[in-house]
């Protein structure tokens, strides 16, 4: 692909499903290049949430190309998601006034709870709807949680989107699904998928909040939403072991509501 780069650049595709990310090498220096990255990236770079943004340019195809520092490191393991540094970085994101202001400026959308729910339920297979746990979860989602102040939410906190550099610095990458919403939207993904229930308060202490009854209610609602979506995706992919694991987690969440 022609990126209108000066002679001397070499590009190698890296990860991702869009085919728009590359390792670029120029004058023996490595850079992370991405096509059509979120315009929100500049603010994330300023806050130190993502690797430093070097430049942005519009190329002849109309696409926007960004270059960031190349960071040597590894994505987090599932076990490392329990680390206080994960909680601290996510707390920084959720509490950043700059990030909230800049995401609003570039057109970041606020989450609508009915729309979030409909997006998941509309795709729910009839076969799954007949499952007792799924039916119970759908019924629970009919009661909306309390509305809270909108904050910047990442939207895809899979452990593979956290990059720990060789120097020990943590970054959160892949912001294509960023939105303005309840922090519990993000928190529920991390807590239900990675942190043992007995460690929730310790993890939330590092994040900067307490597990109040109000937060627990919101976590349960968003947790059920995410798990229903996960169940459908695993069903579609015929990955039934993972689907059953999501159903078991769903039952655990429902049991916590009793």
C-alpha atoms as a PDB file:
ATOM      1  CA  UNK A   1       0.000   0.000   0.000  1.00  0.00           C
ATOM      2  CA  UNK A   2       1.282   3.472  -0.877  1.00  0.00           C
ATOM      3  CA  UNK A   3       1.517   5.624   2.253  1.00  0.00           C
ATOM      4  CA  UNK A   4       3.310   8.544   0.535  1.00  0.00           C
ATOM      5  CA  UNK A   5       6.344   7.975   2.739  1.00  0.00           C
ATOM      6  CA  UNK A   6       9.836   9.192   1.933  1.00  0.00           C
ATOM      7  CA  UNK A   7      12.240   6.718   0.315  1.00  0.00           C
ATOM      8  CA  UNK A   8      13.982   4.591   2.893  1.00  0.00           C
ATOM      9  CA  UNK A   9      10.925   3.463   4.850  1.00  0.00           C
ATOM     10  CA  UNK A  10      10.224  -0.254   5.225  1.00  0.00           C
ATOM     11  CA  UNK A  11       6.857  -1.525   6.477  1.00  0.00           C
ATOM     12  CA  UNK A  12       5.816  -4.807   8.044  1.00  0.00           C
ATOM     13  CA  UNK A  13       2.176  -5.581   8.983  1.00  0.00           C
ATOM     14  CA  UNK A  14       1.556  -6.213  12.675  1.00  0.00           C
ATOM     15  CA  UNK A  15      -1.466  -7.758  14.444  1.00  0.00           C
ATOM     16  CA  UNK A  16      -4.994  -6.428  14.397  1.00  0.00           C
ATOM     17  CA  UNK A  17      -8.039  -7.340  12.334  1.00  0.00           C
ATOM     18  CA  UNK A  18      -8.223  -4.220  10.149  1.00  0.00           C
ATOM     19  CA  UNK A  19      -4.890  -4.690   8.389  1.00  0.00           C
ATOM     20  CA  UNK A  20      -4.101  -1.053   9.070  1.00  0.00           C
ATOM     21  CA  UNK A  21      -1.215  -1.396  11.551  1.00  0.00           C
ATOM     22  CA  UNK A  22       2.463  -1.649  10.646  1.00  0.00           C
ATOM     23  CA  UNK A  23       5.939  -1.564  12.082  1.00  0.00           C
ATOM     24  CA  UNK A  24       7.773   1.094  10.138  1.00  0.00           C
ATOM     25  CA  UNK A  25      11.549   1.378  10.068  1.00  0.00           C
ATOM     26  CA  UNK A  26      13.304   4.535   8.940  1.00  0.00           C
ATOM     27  CA  UNK A  27      16.955   5.445   9.515  1.00  0.00           C
ATOM     28  CA  UNK A  28      17.269   2.395  11.777  1.00  0.00           C
ATOM     29  CA  UNK A  29      14.463   3.631  14.055  1.00  0.00           C
ATOM     30  CA  UNK A  30      11.233   1.724  14.584  1.00  0.00           C
ATOM     31  CA  UNK A  31       7.767   3.320  14.624  1.00  0.00           C
ATOM     32  CA  UNK A  32       4.226   2.047  15.020  1.00  0.00           C
ATOM     33  CA  UNK A  33       2.201   3.210  12.001  1.00  0.00           C
ATOM     34  CA  UNK A  34      -1.564   2.986  11.832  1.00  0.00           C
ATOM     35  CA  UNK A  35      -4.070   3.948   9.169  1.00  0.00           C
ATOM     36  CA  UNK A  36      -7.132   5.893  10.360  1.00  0.00           C
ATOM     37  CA  UNK A  37      -6.374   5.720  14.066  1.00  0.00           C
ATOM     38  CA  UNK A  38      -8.815   7.485  16.356  1.00  0.00           C
ATOM     39  CA  UNK A  39      -8.407  11.298  16.237  1.00  0.00           C
ATOM     40  CA  UNK A  40      -8.500  10.969  20.012  1.00  0.00           C
ATOM     41  CA  UNK A  41      -4.966   9.537  19.875  1.00  0.00           C
ATOM     42  CA  UNK A  42      -3.258  12.910  20.371  1.00  0.00           C
ATOM     43  CA  UNK A  43      -4.898  13.439  23.760  1.00  0.00           C
ATOM     44  CA  UNK A  44      -4.107   9.872  24.828  1.00  0.00           C
ATOM     45  CA  UNK A  45      -0.467  10.468  23.911  1.00  0.00           C
ATOM     46  CA  UNK A  46      -0.343  13.695  25.938  1.00  0.00           C
ATOM     47  CA  UNK A  47      -1.720  11.873  28.978  1.00  0.00           C
ATOM     48  CA  UNK A  48       0.805   9.061  28.569  1.00  0.00           C
ATOM     49  CA  UNK A  49      -1.908   6.437  28.154  1.00  0.00           C
ATOM     50  CA  UNK A  50      -0.576   5.355  24.751  1.00  0.00           C
ATOM     51  CA  UNK A  51       2.958   5.484  23.312  1.00  0.00           C
ATOM     52  CA  UNK A  52       4.047   8.956  22.193  1.00  0.00           C
ATOM     53  CA  UNK A  53       2.480  10.286  18.981  1.00  0.00           C
ATOM     54  CA  UNK A  54       5.245  11.439  16.605  1.00  0.00           C
ATOM     55  CA  UNK A  55       3.301  12.716  13.594  1.00  0.00           C
ATOM     56  CA  UNK A  56       0.007  12.582  11.729  1.00  0.00           C
ATOM     57  CA  UNK A  57      -0.428  13.021   7.976  1.00  0.00           C
ATOM     58  CA  UNK A  58      -3.200  12.670   5.423  1.00  0.00           C
ATOM     59  CA  UNK A  59      -2.143  10.547   2.455  1.00  0.00           C
ATOM     60  CA  UNK A  60      -3.278  10.551  -1.166  1.00  0.00           C
ATOM     61  CA  UNK A  61      -5.988   7.921  -0.570  1.00  0.00           C
ATOM     62  CA  UNK A  62      -7.683  10.259   1.893  1.00  0.00           C
ATOM     63  CA  UNK A  63      -6.689   8.052   4.831  1.00  0.00           C
ATOM     64  CA  UNK A  64      -4.904   9.487   7.852  1.00  0.00           C
ATOM     65  CA  UNK A  65      -1.617   7.879   8.858  1.00  0.00           C
ATOM     66  CA  UNK A  66      -0.195   8.216  12.371  1.00  0.00           C
ATOM     67  CA  UNK A  67       3.258   7.326  13.687  1.00  0.00           C
ATOM     68  CA  UNK A  68       3.969   6.519  17.323  1.00  0.00           C
ATOM     69  CA  UNK A  69       7.039   5.480  19.236  1.00  0.00           C
ATOM     70  CA  UNK A  70       7.685   1.766  18.886  1.00  0.00           C
ATOM     71  CA  UNK A  71       7.565   0.184  22.339  1.00  0.00           C
ATOM     72  CA  UNK A  72       9.321  -3.096  22.990  1.00  0.00           C
ATOM     73  CA  UNK A  73       7.313  -5.143  25.433  1.00  0.00           C
ATOM     74  CA  UNK A  74       4.561  -7.719  25.853  1.00  0.00           C
ATOM     75  CA  UNK A  75       0.823  -7.715  26.153  1.00  0.00           C
ATOM     76  CA  UNK A  76      -0.481  -8.591  29.604  1.00  0.00           C
ATOM     77  CA  UNK A  77      -1.396 -12.096  30.621  1.00  0.00           C
ATOM     78  CA  UNK A  78      -4.788 -12.782  32.166  1.00  0.00           C
ATOM     79  CA  UNK A  79      -3.097 -13.033  35.584  1.00  0.00           C
ATOM     80  CA  UNK A  80      -1.395  -9.658  35.207  1.00  0.00           C
ATOM     81  CA  UNK A  81      -4.778  -7.950  34.806  1.00  0.00           C
ATOM     82  CA  UNK A  82      -5.127  -8.220  38.608  1.00  0.00           C
ATOM     83  CA  UNK A  83      -2.140  -5.893  39.013  1.00  0.00           C
ATOM     84  CA  UNK A  84      -2.584  -2.497  40.741  1.00  0.00           C
ATOM     85  CA  UNK A  85      -0.918  -0.763  37.781  1.00  0.00           C
ATOM     86  CA  UNK A  86      -3.826  -1.850  35.561  1.00  0.00           C
ATOM     87  CA  UNK A  87      -6.298  -0.394  38.044  1.00  0.00           C
ATOM     88  CA  UNK A  88      -4.294   2.818  38.369  1.00  0.00           C
ATOM     89  CA  UNK A  89      -4.043   3.418  34.623  1.00  0.00           C
ATOM     90  CA  UNK A  90      -7.751   2.757  34.097  1.00  0.00           C
ATOM     91  CA  UNK A  91      -8.547   5.112  36.977  1.00  0.00           C
ATOM     92  CA  UNK A  92      -6.393   7.773  35.307  1.00  0.00           C
ATOM     93  CA  UNK A  93      -8.336   7.351  32.052  1.00  0.00           C
ATOM     94  CA  UNK A  94     -11.760   7.500  33.689  1.00  0.00           C
ATOM     95  CA  UNK A  95     -10.905  10.552  35.808  1.00  0.00           C
ATOM     96  CA  UNK A  96      -9.124  12.601  33.133  1.00  0.00           C
ATOM     97  CA  UNK A  97     -10.910  15.863  32.395  1.00  0.00           C
ATOM     98  CA  UNK A  98      -8.634  16.402  29.366  1.00  0.00           C
ATOM     99  CA  UNK A  99      -9.543  13.060  27.816  1.00  0.00           C
ATOM    100  CA  UNK A 100     -13.253  13.641  28.363  1.00  0.00           C
ATOM    101  CA  UNK A 101     -13.083  17.125  26.844  1.00  0.00           C
ATOM    102  CA  UNK A 102     -11.034  15.973  23.847  1.00  0.00           C
ATOM    103  CA  UNK A 103     -13.217  12.939  23.110  1.00  0.00           C
ATOM    104  CA  UNK A 104     -16.242  15.231  23.116  1.00  0.00           C
ATOM    105  CA  UNK A 105     -14.385  17.612  20.794  1.00  0.00           C
ATOM    106  CA  UNK A 106     -13.683  14.913  18.190  1.00  0.00           C
ATOM    107  CA  UNK A 107     -17.288  13.725  18.236  1.00  0.00           C
ATOM    108  CA  UNK A 108     -17.177  10.949  20.799  1.00  0.00           C
ATOM    109  CA  UNK A 109     -20.658   9.568  21.354  1.00  0.00           C
ATOM    110  CA  UNK A 110     -22.351   9.201  24.727  1.00  0.00           C
ATOM    111  CA  UNK A 111     -23.664   5.745  25.536  1.00  0.00           C
ATOM    112  CA  UNK A 112     -27.432   5.228  25.608  1.00  0.00           C
ATOM    113  CA  UNK A 113     -28.296   2.333  27.910  1.00  0.00           C
ATOM    114  CA  UNK A 114     -31.383   1.255  25.924  1.00  0.00           C
ATOM    115  CA  UNK A 115     -29.310   1.386  22.713  1.00  0.00           C
ATOM    116  CA  UNK A 116     -26.496  -0.646  24.283  1.00  0.00           C
ATOM    117  CA  UNK A 117     -28.995  -3.237  25.418  1.00  0.00           C
ATOM    118  CA  UNK A 118     -30.771  -3.374  22.058  1.00  0.00           C
ATOM    119  CA  UNK A 119     -27.481  -3.795  20.193  1.00  0.00           C
ATOM    120  CA  UNK A 120     -26.839  -6.996  22.141  1.00  0.00           C
ATOM    121  CA  UNK A 121     -30.378  -8.356  22.332  1.00  0.00           C
ATOM    122  CA  UNK A 122     -31.191  -7.854  18.647  1.00  0.00           C
ATOM    123  CA  UNK A 123     -28.445 -10.323  17.720  1.00  0.00           C
ATOM    124  CA  UNK A 124     -29.324 -12.911  20.335  1.00  0.00           C
ATOM    125  CA  UNK A 125     -30.074 -16.246  18.654  1.00  0.00           C
ATOM    126  CA  UNK A 126     -33.508 -17.808  19.352  1.00  0.00           C
ATOM    127  CA  UNK A 127     -31.733 -20.962  20.548  1.00  0.00           C
ATOM    128  CA  UNK A 128     -29.851 -18.973  23.175  1.00  0.00           C
ATOM    129  CA  UNK A 129     -32.958 -17.075  24.258  1.00  0.00           C
ATOM    130  CA  UNK A 130     -34.455 -20.406  25.298  1.00  0.00           C
ATOM    131  CA  UNK A 131     -31.591 -21.105  27.687  1.00  0.00           C
ATOM    132  CA  UNK A 132     -32.726 -20.522  31.287  1.00  0.00           C
ATOM    133  CA  UNK A 133     -29.673 -18.480  32.295  1.00  0.00           C
ATOM    134  CA  UNK A 134     -29.873 -16.299  29.180  1.00  0.00           C
ATOM    135  CA  UNK A 135     -33.597 -15.704  29.724  1.00  0.00           C
ATOM    136  CA  UNK A 136     -32.904 -14.677  33.320  1.00  0.00           C
ATOM    137  CA  UNK A 137     -30.138 -12.310  32.212  1.00  0.00           C
ATOM    138  CA  UNK A 138     -32.349 -10.712  29.559  1.00  0.00           C
ATOM    139  CA  UNK A 139     -35.058 -10.154  32.168  1.00  0.00           C
ATOM    140  CA  UNK A 140     -32.532  -8.534  34.530  1.00  0.00           C
ATOM    141  CA  UNK A 141     -31.398  -6.130  31.802  1.00  0.00           C
ATOM    142  CA  UNK A 142     -34.901  -4.749  31.466  1.00  0.00           C
ATOM    143  CA  UNK A 143     -34.258  -2.723  34.631  1.00  0.00           C
ATOM    144  CA  UNK A 144     -31.769   0.004  33.772  1.00  0.00           C
ATOM    145  CA  UNK A 145     -29.050   0.919  36.293  1.00  0.00           C
ATOM    146  CA  UNK A 146     -28.692   4.461  37.703  1.00  0.00           C
ATOM    147  CA  UNK A 147     -27.289   7.001  35.240  1.00  0.00           C
ATOM    148  CA  UNK A 148     -23.910   8.416  36.253  1.00  0.00           C
ATOM    149  CA  UNK A 149     -21.609  11.140  34.916  1.00  0.00           C
ATOM    150  CA  UNK A 150     -20.170  10.162  31.550  1.00  0.00           C
ATOM    151  CA  UNK A 151     -16.457   9.433  31.450  1.00  0.00           C
ATOM    152  CA  UNK A 152     -14.095   8.205  28.736  1.00  0.00           C
ATOM    153  CA  UNK A 153     -14.535   4.441  28.321  1.00  0.00           C
ATOM    154  CA  UNK A 154     -12.121   2.299  26.311  1.00  0.00           C
ATOM    155  CA  UNK A 155     -14.729  -0.253  25.259  1.00  0.00           C
ATOM    156  CA  UNK A 156     -12.460  -3.273  24.663  1.00  0.00           C
ATOM    157  CA  UNK A 157     -10.376  -4.056  27.730  1.00  0.00           C
ATOM    158  CA  UNK A 158      -9.159  -7.446  26.594  1.00  0.00           C
ATOM    159  CA  UNK A 159      -5.823  -8.262  28.229  1.00  0.00           C
ATOM    160  CA  UNK A 160      -4.175  -8.124  24.782  1.00  0.00           C
ATOM    161  CA  UNK A 161      -4.871  -4.378  24.560  1.00  0.00           C
ATOM    162  CA  UNK A 162      -2.558  -3.657  27.511  1.00  0.00           C
ATOM    163  CA  UNK A 163       1.130  -3.273  26.626  1.00  0.00           C
ATOM    164  CA  UNK A 164       3.812  -3.538  29.314  1.00  0.00           C
ATOM    165  CA  UNK A 165       7.089  -2.131  28.030  1.00  0.00           C
ATOM    166  CA  UNK A 166      10.448  -3.715  28.754  1.00  0.00           C
ATOM    167  CA  UNK A 167      11.122  -0.731  31.031  1.00  0.00           C
ATOM    168  CA  UNK A 168       8.008  -1.517  33.086  1.00  0.00           C
ATOM    169  CA  UNK A 169       5.667   1.181  31.771  1.00  0.00           C
ATOM    170  CA  UNK A 170       2.068   0.203  31.052  1.00  0.00           C
ATOM    171  CA  UNK A 171       0.069   1.458  28.064  1.00  0.00           C
ATOM    172  CA  UNK A 172      -3.534   0.932  26.976  1.00  0.00           C
ATOM    173  CA  UNK A 173      -3.874   0.680  23.191  1.00  0.00           C
ATOM    174  CA  UNK A 174      -6.490   0.163  20.455  1.00  0.00           C
ATOM    175  CA  UNK A 175      -8.964   2.958  21.163  1.00  0.00           C
ATOM    176  CA  UNK A 176     -11.223   2.439  18.140  1.00  0.00           C
ATOM    177  CA  UNK A 177     -14.240   1.671  20.365  1.00  0.00           C
ATOM    178  CA  UNK A 178     -13.842   4.604  22.755  1.00  0.00           C
ATOM    179  CA  UNK A 179     -17.038   6.273  23.931  1.00  0.00           C
ATOM    180  CA  UNK A 180     -18.412   8.416  26.741  1.00  0.00           C
ATOM    181  CA  UNK A 181     -20.162   6.282  29.309  1.00  0.00           C
ATOM    182  CA  UNK A 182     -20.388   4.930  32.817  1.00  0.00           C
ATOM    183  CA  UNK A 183     -16.947   3.757  34.067  1.00  0.00           C
ATOM    184  CA  UNK A 184     -18.725   0.579  35.213  1.00  0.00           C
ATOM    185  CA  UNK A 185     -18.973  -0.333  31.502  1.00  0.00           C
ATOM    186  CA  UNK A 186     -15.186  -0.809  31.458  1.00  0.00           C
ATOM    187  CA  UNK A 187     -14.789  -1.973  35.045  1.00  0.00           C
ATOM    188  CA  UNK A 188     -17.224  -4.843  34.629  1.00  0.00           C
ATOM    189  CA  UNK A 189     -15.086  -6.348  31.847  1.00  0.00           C
ATOM    190  CA  UNK A 190     -11.939  -6.367  33.973  1.00  0.00           C
ATOM    191  CA  UNK A 191     -13.531  -7.442  37.236  1.00  0.00           C
ATOM    192  CA  UNK A 192     -15.755 -10.240  35.951  1.00  0.00           C
ATOM    193  CA  UNK A 193     -13.215 -11.623  33.492  1.00  0.00           C
ATOM    194  CA  UNK A 194      -9.922 -11.290  35.318  1.00  0.00           C
ATOM    195  CA  UNK A 195     -10.140 -10.407  39.025  1.00  0.00           C
ATOM    196  CA  UNK A 196     -11.283 -12.956  41.622  1.00  0.00           C
ATOM    197  CA  UNK A 197     -14.300 -11.652  43.531  1.00  0.00           C
ATOM    198  CA  UNK A 198     -12.407 -11.698  46.842  1.00  0.00           C
ATOM    199  CA  UNK A 199      -9.869  -9.235  45.371  1.00  0.00           C
ATOM    200  CA  UNK A 200     -12.334  -6.722  43.947  1.00  0.00           C
ATOM    201  CA  UNK A 201     -12.059  -4.165  46.746  1.00  0.00           C
ATOM    202  CA  UNK A 202      -8.267  -4.347  46.804  1.00  0.00           C
ATOM    203  CA  UNK A 203      -8.218  -3.790  43.023  1.00  0.00           C
ATOM    204  CA  UNK A 204     -10.752  -0.965  43.272  1.00  0.00           C
ATOM    205  CA  UNK A 205      -8.666   0.678  46.028  1.00  0.00           C
ATOM    206  CA  UNK A 206      -5.817   0.942  43.500  1.00  0.00           C
ATOM    207  CA  UNK A 207      -8.306   2.252  40.926  1.00  0.00           C
ATOM    208  CA  UNK A 208      -9.512   4.878  43.404  1.00  0.00           C
ATOM    209  CA  UNK A 209     -13.040   3.961  44.487  1.00  0.00           C
ATOM    210  CA  UNK A 210     -15.060   1.782  46.838  1.00  0.00           C
ATOM    211  CA  UNK A 211     -17.376  -1.087  45.993  1.00  0.00           C
ATOM    212  CA  UNK A 212     -20.605   0.592  47.028  1.00  0.00           C
ATOM    213  CA  UNK A 213     -24.070  -0.895  46.542  1.00  0.00           C
ATOM    214  CA  UNK A 214     -24.597   1.581  43.701  1.00  0.00           C
ATOM    215  CA  UNK A 215     -21.405   0.506  41.895  1.00  0.00           C
ATOM    216  CA  UNK A 216     -22.210  -3.179  42.439  1.00  0.00           C
ATOM    217  CA  UNK A 217     -25.617  -2.691  40.769  1.00  0.00           C
ATOM    218  CA  UNK A 218     -24.066  -0.995  37.764  1.00  0.00           C
ATOM    219  CA  UNK A 219     -21.278  -3.590  37.484  1.00  0.00           C
ATOM    220  CA  UNK A 220     -23.830  -6.394  37.463  1.00  0.00           C
ATOM    221  CA  UNK A 221     -25.905  -4.770  34.714  1.00  0.00           C
ATOM    222  CA  UNK A 222     -22.945  -4.083  32.435  1.00  0.00           C
ATOM    223  CA  UNK A 223     -21.423  -7.458  33.303  1.00  0.00           C
ATOM    224  CA  UNK A 224     -24.554  -9.257  32.132  1.00  0.00           C
ATOM    225  CA  UNK A 225     -24.571  -7.172  28.949  1.00  0.00           C
ATOM    226  CA  UNK A 226     -20.955  -8.052  28.123  1.00  0.00           C
ATOM    227  CA  UNK A 227     -21.459 -11.728  28.946  1.00  0.00           C
ATOM    228  CA  UNK A 228     -24.536 -11.978  26.736  1.00  0.00           C
ATOM    229  CA  UNK A 229     -22.549 -10.460  23.891  1.00  0.00           C
ATOM    230  CA  UNK A 230     -19.674 -12.868  24.558  1.00  0.00           C
ATOM    231  CA  UNK A 231     -22.061 -15.824  24.642  1.00  0.00           C
ATOM    232  CA  UNK A 232     -23.516 -14.879  21.253  1.00  0.00           C
ATOM    233  CA  UNK A 233     -20.087 -14.386  19.677  1.00  0.00           C
ATOM    234  CA  UNK A 234     -18.877 -17.768  20.926  1.00  0.00           C
ATOM    235  CA  UNK A 235     -22.124 -19.379  19.730  1.00  0.00           C
ATOM    236  CA  UNK A 236     -21.664 -17.884  16.264  1.00  0.00           C
ATOM    237  CA  UNK A 237     -18.051 -19.108  16.151  1.00  0.00           C
ATOM    238  CA  UNK A 238     -19.105 -22.573  17.385  1.00  0.00           C
ATOM    239  CA  UNK A 239     -16.684 -22.214  20.284  1.00  0.00           C
ATOM    240  CA  UNK A 240     -18.938 -23.947  22.732  1.00  0.00           C
ATOM    241  CA  UNK A 241     -16.421 -24.407  25.550  1.00  0.00           C
ATOM    242  CA  UNK A 242     -15.941 -20.633  25.763  1.00  0.00           C
ATOM    243  CA  UNK A 243     -19.695 -20.122  25.371  1.00  0.00           C
ATOM    244  CA  UNK A 244     -20.386 -22.373  28.351  1.00  0.00           C
ATOM    245  CA  UNK A 245     -17.742 -20.544  30.388  1.00  0.00           C
ATOM    246  CA  UNK A 246     -19.554 -17.257  29.668  1.00  0.00           C
ATOM    247  CA  UNK A 247     -22.850 -18.824  30.722  1.00  0.00           C
ATOM    248  CA  UNK A 248     -21.329 -19.974  34.008  1.00  0.00           C
ATOM    249  CA  UNK A 249     -20.049 -16.453  34.684  1.00  0.00           C
ATOM    250  CA  UNK A 250     -23.489 -15.118  33.805  1.00  0.00           C
ATOM    251  CA  UNK A 251     -25.042 -17.400  36.399  1.00  0.00           C
ATOM    252  CA  UNK A 252     -22.524 -16.135  38.982  1.00  0.00           C
ATOM    253  CA  UNK A 253     -23.493 -12.536  38.246  1.00  0.00           C
ATOM    254  CA  UNK A 254     -27.176 -13.352  38.547  1.00  0.00           C
ATOM    255  CA  UNK A 255     -26.572 -15.146  41.832  1.00  0.00           C
ATOM    256  CA  UNK A 256     -24.914 -11.991  43.193  1.00  0.00           C
ATOM    257  CA  UNK A 257     -28.145 -10.089  42.590  1.00  0.00           C
ATOM    258  CA  UNK A 258     -30.120 -12.385  44.888  1.00  0.00           C
END
